[in-house]
Amino acid sequence: MTGVDDLTLFLKTVQHHQQVNRERFAEPYRLMQRVNDCFVIAQQALVDPKQVLSGVLCLRSQYAYKAAAGMAGAIASARLPGSIEPACSGS
């Protein structure tokens, strides 16, 4: 494959917007960091849980949180209607 494909370009654009938004929205980003830190502390307390499902649910919750935080960071100010909406509608 030569050059940059559309998906790679899109992901690089999203990453750029995440970095910009971390700087533009520093206080909300710090809040997201503190919430993530709470997940880390909870995981450390679940090193050898009596209920295995507790650890699994904690990890899944943190992964879902990180995905949501990543999406929020990418689209908070960088709505990309020219590339997202046509792709979703099949245009």
N, C-alpha and C. Protein backbone atom coordinates (compact mmCIF):
# COMPACT_ATOMS: atom_id res chain seq x y z
N MET A 1 0.85 -1.18 0.00
CA MET A 1 0.00 0.00 0.00
C MET A 1 0.89 1.24 0.00
N THR A 2 0.67 2.11 -0.91
CA THR A 2 1.49 3.32 -1.00
C THR A 2 0.71 4.51 -0.46
N GLY A 3 1.44 5.48 0.07
CA GLY A 3 0.80 6.67 0.59
C GLY A 3 0.06 6.41 1.88
N VAL A 4 -0.81 7.34 2.21
CA VAL A 4 -1.58 7.24 3.45
C VAL A 4 -3.03 6.96 3.09
N ASP A 5 -3.56 5.87 3.64
CA ASP A 5 -4.95 5.54 3.36
C ASP A 5 -5.88 6.43 4.20
N ASP A 6 -7.15 6.41 3.87
CA ASP A 6 -8.13 7.28 4.54
C ASP A 6 -8.24 6.99 6.03
N LEU A 7 -8.19 5.72 6.42
CA LEU A 7 -8.32 5.39 7.83
C LEU A 7 -7.14 5.92 8.63
N THR A 8 -5.94 5.76 8.11
CA THR A 8 -4.75 6.27 8.80
C THR A 8 -4.82 7.78 8.92
N LEU A 9 -5.21 8.45 7.87
CA LEU A 9 -5.36 9.91 7.90
C LEU A 9 -6.39 10.32 8.94
N PHE A 10 -7.52 9.63 8.97
CA PHE A 10 -8.58 9.93 9.94
C PHE A 10 -8.06 9.75 11.36
N LEU A 11 -7.38 8.63 11.64
CA LEU A 11 -6.89 8.36 12.99
C LEU A 11 -5.83 9.38 13.41
N LYS A 12 -5.01 9.82 12.49
CA LYS A 12 -4.02 10.85 12.80
C LYS A 12 -4.72 12.18 13.12
N THR A 13 -5.78 12.48 12.39
CA THR A 13 -6.55 13.69 12.65
C THR A 13 -7.19 13.64 14.02
N VAL A 14 -7.77 12.49 14.36
CA VAL A 14 -8.39 12.32 15.68
C VAL A 14 -7.35 12.50 16.78
N GLN A 15 -6.18 11.90 16.61
CA GLN A 15 -5.12 12.02 17.61
C GLN A 15 -4.70 13.48 17.77
N HIS A 16 -4.60 14.18 16.67
CA HIS A 16 -4.24 15.61 16.74
C HIS A 16 -5.28 16.38 17.54
N HIS A 17 -6.57 16.13 17.26
CA HIS A 17 -7.63 16.84 17.98
C HIS A 17 -7.63 16.49 19.46
N GLN A 18 -7.30 15.25 19.80
CA GLN A 18 -7.20 14.88 21.21
C GLN A 18 -6.11 15.69 21.90
N GLN A 19 -4.97 15.83 21.27
CA GLN A 19 -3.86 16.59 21.86
C GLN A 19 -4.23 18.06 22.03
N VAL A 20 -4.85 18.62 21.02
CA VAL A 20 -5.25 20.03 21.08
C VAL A 20 -6.26 20.23 22.20
N ASN A 21 -7.23 19.33 22.30
CA ASN A 21 -8.27 19.47 23.31
C ASN A 21 -7.76 19.26 24.72
N ARG A 22 -6.72 18.46 24.90
CA ARG A 22 -6.10 18.32 26.23
C ARG A 22 -5.57 19.67 26.69
N GLU A 23 -5.05 20.44 25.76
CA GLU A 23 -4.53 21.77 26.11
C GLU A 23 -5.67 22.78 26.27
N ARG A 24 -6.65 22.75 25.38
CA ARG A 24 -7.75 23.72 25.42
C ARG A 24 -8.66 23.51 26.63
N PHE A 25 -8.85 22.26 27.01
CA PHE A 25 -9.76 21.92 28.11
C PHE A 25 -8.98 21.24 29.22
N ALA A 26 -7.99 21.95 29.74
CA ALA A 26 -7.08 21.37 30.72
C ALA A 26 -7.80 20.91 31.99
N GLU A 27 -8.71 21.69 32.50
CA GLU A 27 -9.40 21.32 33.75
C GLU A 27 -10.27 20.08 33.58
N PRO A 28 -11.12 20.00 32.56
CA PRO A 28 -11.88 18.75 32.37
C PRO A 28 -10.96 17.55 32.13
N TYR A 29 -9.85 17.76 31.46
CA TYR A 29 -8.91 16.66 31.24
C TYR A 29 -8.31 16.18 32.56
N ARG A 30 -7.98 17.13 33.45
CA ARG A 30 -7.46 16.73 34.76
C ARG A 30 -8.51 15.93 35.54
N LEU A 31 -9.77 16.30 35.40
CA LEU A 31 -10.84 15.54 36.05
C LEU A 31 -10.89 14.12 35.50
N MET A 32 -10.78 13.97 34.17
CA MET A 32 -10.77 12.64 33.57
C MET A 32 -9.57 11.84 34.06
N GLN A 33 -8.43 12.51 34.24
CA GLN A 33 -7.26 11.82 34.76
C GLN A 33 -7.50 11.32 36.19
N ARG A 34 -8.15 12.15 37.01
CA ARG A 34 -8.41 11.75 38.40
C ARG A 34 -9.37 10.56 38.45
N VAL A 35 -10.37 10.56 37.59
CA VAL A 35 -11.28 9.41 37.55
C VAL A 35 -10.51 8.16 37.14
N ASN A 36 -9.66 8.28 36.13
CA ASN A 36 -8.86 7.13 35.71
C ASN A 36 -7.94 6.66 36.83
N ASP A 37 -7.37 7.59 37.59
CA ASP A 37 -6.53 7.23 38.73
C ASP A 37 -7.31 6.40 39.75
N CYS A 38 -8.58 6.73 39.93
CA CYS A 38 -9.43 5.95 40.84
C CYS A 38 -9.58 4.51 40.34
N PHE A 39 -9.73 4.34 39.04
CA PHE A 39 -9.79 2.98 38.48
C PHE A 39 -8.49 2.22 38.77
N VAL A 40 -7.36 2.90 38.64
CA VAL A 40 -6.06 2.26 38.89
C VAL A 40 -5.97 1.81 40.35
N ILE A 41 -6.39 2.66 41.27
CA ILE A 41 -6.37 2.31 42.69
C ILE A 41 -7.29 1.12 42.96
N ALA A 42 -8.47 1.13 42.34
CA ALA A 42 -9.40 0.01 42.52
C ALA A 42 -8.79 -1.29 42.00
N GLN A 43 -8.11 -1.22 40.88
CA GLN A 43 -7.48 -2.43 40.33
C GLN A 43 -6.40 -2.96 41.26
N GLN A 44 -5.65 -2.06 41.86
CA GLN A 44 -4.59 -2.49 42.78
C GLN A 44 -5.19 -3.20 44.00
N ALA A 45 -6.39 -2.80 44.39
CA ALA A 45 -7.06 -3.44 45.53
C ALA A 45 -7.64 -4.79 45.13
N LEU A 46 -7.75 -5.05 43.84
CA LEU A 46 -8.34 -6.29 43.35
C LEU A 46 -7.27 -7.25 42.82
N VAL A 47 -6.11 -7.26 43.45
CA VAL A 47 -5.01 -8.09 42.97
C VAL A 47 -5.38 -9.57 42.97
N ASP A 48 -5.99 -10.06 44.01
CA ASP A 48 -6.39 -11.46 44.07
C ASP A 48 -7.81 -11.52 44.63
N PRO A 49 -8.78 -11.05 43.85
CA PRO A 49 -10.15 -10.95 44.39
C PRO A 49 -10.77 -12.32 44.65
N LYS A 50 -11.58 -12.37 45.69
CA LYS A 50 -12.31 -13.61 45.98
C LYS A 50 -13.34 -13.86 44.88
N GLN A 51 -13.89 -12.80 44.38
CA GLN A 51 -14.85 -12.89 43.27
C GLN A 51 -14.13 -12.44 42.00
N VAL A 52 -13.78 -13.37 41.14
CA VAL A 52 -13.03 -13.06 39.92
C VAL A 52 -13.78 -12.06 39.05
N LEU A 53 -15.09 -12.15 39.05
CA LEU A 53 -15.89 -11.25 38.22
C LEU A 53 -15.68 -9.79 38.61
N SER A 54 -15.37 -9.52 39.87
CA SER A 54 -15.12 -8.14 40.32
C SER A 54 -13.97 -7.52 39.53
N GLY A 55 -12.89 -8.26 39.39
CA GLY A 55 -11.74 -7.75 38.64
C GLY A 55 -12.05 -7.55 37.17
N VAL A 56 -12.77 -8.49 36.59
CA VAL A 56 -13.14 -8.40 35.18
C VAL A 56 -14.03 -7.19 34.95
N LEU A 57 -15.02 -6.99 35.81
CA LEU A 57 -15.92 -5.84 35.63
C LEU A 57 -15.20 -4.52 35.85
N CYS A 58 -14.27 -4.50 36.78
CA CYS A 58 -13.50 -3.27 37.00
C CYS A 58 -12.68 -2.92 35.76
N LEU A 59 -12.01 -3.91 35.20
CA LEU A 59 -11.22 -3.67 33.99
C LEU A 59 -12.10 -3.23 32.82
N ARG A 60 -13.22 -3.92 32.64
CA ARG A 60 -14.11 -3.54 31.53
C ARG A 60 -14.65 -2.14 31.71
N SER A 61 -14.94 -1.76 32.95
CA SER A 61 -15.42 -0.41 33.22
C SER A 61 -14.36 0.63 32.89
N GLN A 62 -13.11 0.33 33.28
CA GLN A 62 -12.04 1.27 32.98
C GLN A 62 -11.82 1.38 31.47
N TYR A 63 -11.86 0.28 30.77
CA TYR A 63 -11.67 0.33 29.31
C TYR A 63 -12.78 1.13 28.65
N ALA A 64 -14.00 0.93 29.10
CA ALA A 64 -15.12 1.71 28.54
C ALA A 64 -14.95 3.19 28.85
N TYR A 65 -14.51 3.49 30.07
CA TYR A 65 -14.27 4.89 30.45
C TYR A 65 -13.19 5.51 29.57
N LYS A 66 -12.10 4.77 29.36
CA LYS A 66 -11.00 5.30 28.54
C LYS A 66 -11.46 5.52 27.10
N ALA A 67 -12.28 4.63 26.59
CA ALA A 67 -12.79 4.80 25.22
C ALA A 67 -13.65 6.06 25.14
N ALA A 68 -14.52 6.24 26.13
CA ALA A 68 -15.39 7.42 26.13
C ALA A 68 -14.57 8.70 26.30
N ALA A 69 -13.58 8.66 27.18
CA ALA A 69 -12.73 9.83 27.39
C ALA A 69 -11.94 10.16 26.12
N GLY A 70 -11.49 9.13 25.43
CA GLY A 70 -10.76 9.35 24.18
C GLY A 70 -11.64 9.96 23.11
N MET A 71 -12.88 9.47 23.02
CA MET A 71 -13.80 10.04 22.04
C MET A 71 -14.16 11.47 22.40
N ALA A 72 -14.37 11.72 23.69
CA ALA A 72 -14.71 13.08 24.11
C ALA A 72 -13.55 14.03 23.80
N GLY A 73 -12.34 13.58 24.02
CA GLY A 73 -11.18 14.41 23.73
C GLY A 73 -11.02 14.67 22.25
N ALA A 74 -11.45 13.74 21.44
CA ALA A 74 -11.28 13.89 20.00
C ALA A 74 -12.34 14.80 19.38
N ILE A 75 -13.54 14.80 19.94
CA ILE A 75 -14.63 15.52 19.26
C ILE A 75 -15.15 16.71 20.03
N ALA A 76 -14.54 17.05 21.17
CA ALA A 76 -15.05 18.16 21.97
C ALA A 76 -15.12 19.46 21.17
N SER A 77 -14.10 19.73 20.40
CA SER A 77 -14.13 20.96 19.60
C SER A 77 -13.92 20.68 18.12
N ALA A 78 -13.64 19.45 17.78
CA ALA A 78 -13.26 19.14 16.41
C ALA A 78 -14.32 18.29 15.74
N ARG A 79 -15.49 18.82 15.62
CA ARG A 79 -16.53 18.07 14.93
C ARG A 79 -16.14 18.00 13.47
N LEU A 80 -16.15 16.81 12.93
CA LEU A 80 -15.70 16.61 11.56
C LEU A 80 -16.86 16.21 10.66
N PRO A 81 -17.83 17.09 10.47
CA PRO A 81 -19.01 16.69 9.70
C PRO A 81 -18.67 16.30 8.27
N GLY A 82 -17.64 16.88 7.71
CA GLY A 82 -17.29 16.57 6.33
C GLY A 82 -16.77 15.16 6.14
N SER A 83 -16.24 14.54 7.21
CA SER A 83 -15.70 13.20 7.05
C SER A 83 -16.48 12.14 7.81
N ILE A 84 -17.11 12.50 8.91
CA ILE A 84 -17.82 11.51 9.71
C ILE A 84 -19.23 11.25 9.18
N GLU A 85 -20.01 12.30 8.98
CA GLU A 85 -21.39 12.10 8.57
C GLU A 85 -21.54 11.37 7.24
N PRO A 86 -20.79 11.75 6.20
CA PRO A 86 -20.94 10.99 4.94
C PRO A 86 -20.53 9.54 5.11
N ALA A 87 -19.50 9.28 5.93
CA ALA A 87 -19.07 7.90 6.13
C ALA A 87 -20.14 7.08 6.83
N CYS A 88 -20.85 7.70 7.76
CA CYS A 88 -21.90 7.00 8.50
C CYS A 88 -23.14 6.80 7.67
N SER A 89 -23.41 7.71 6.77
CA SER A 89 -24.62 7.60 5.97
C SER A 89 -24.40 6.82 4.68
N GLY A 90 -23.16 6.45 4.39
CA GLY A 90 -22.85 5.70 3.20
C GLY A 90 -22.69 6.57 1.96
N SER A 91 -22.62 7.88 2.15
CA SER A 91 -22.46 8.80 1.01
C SER A 91 -21.05 8.82 0.50
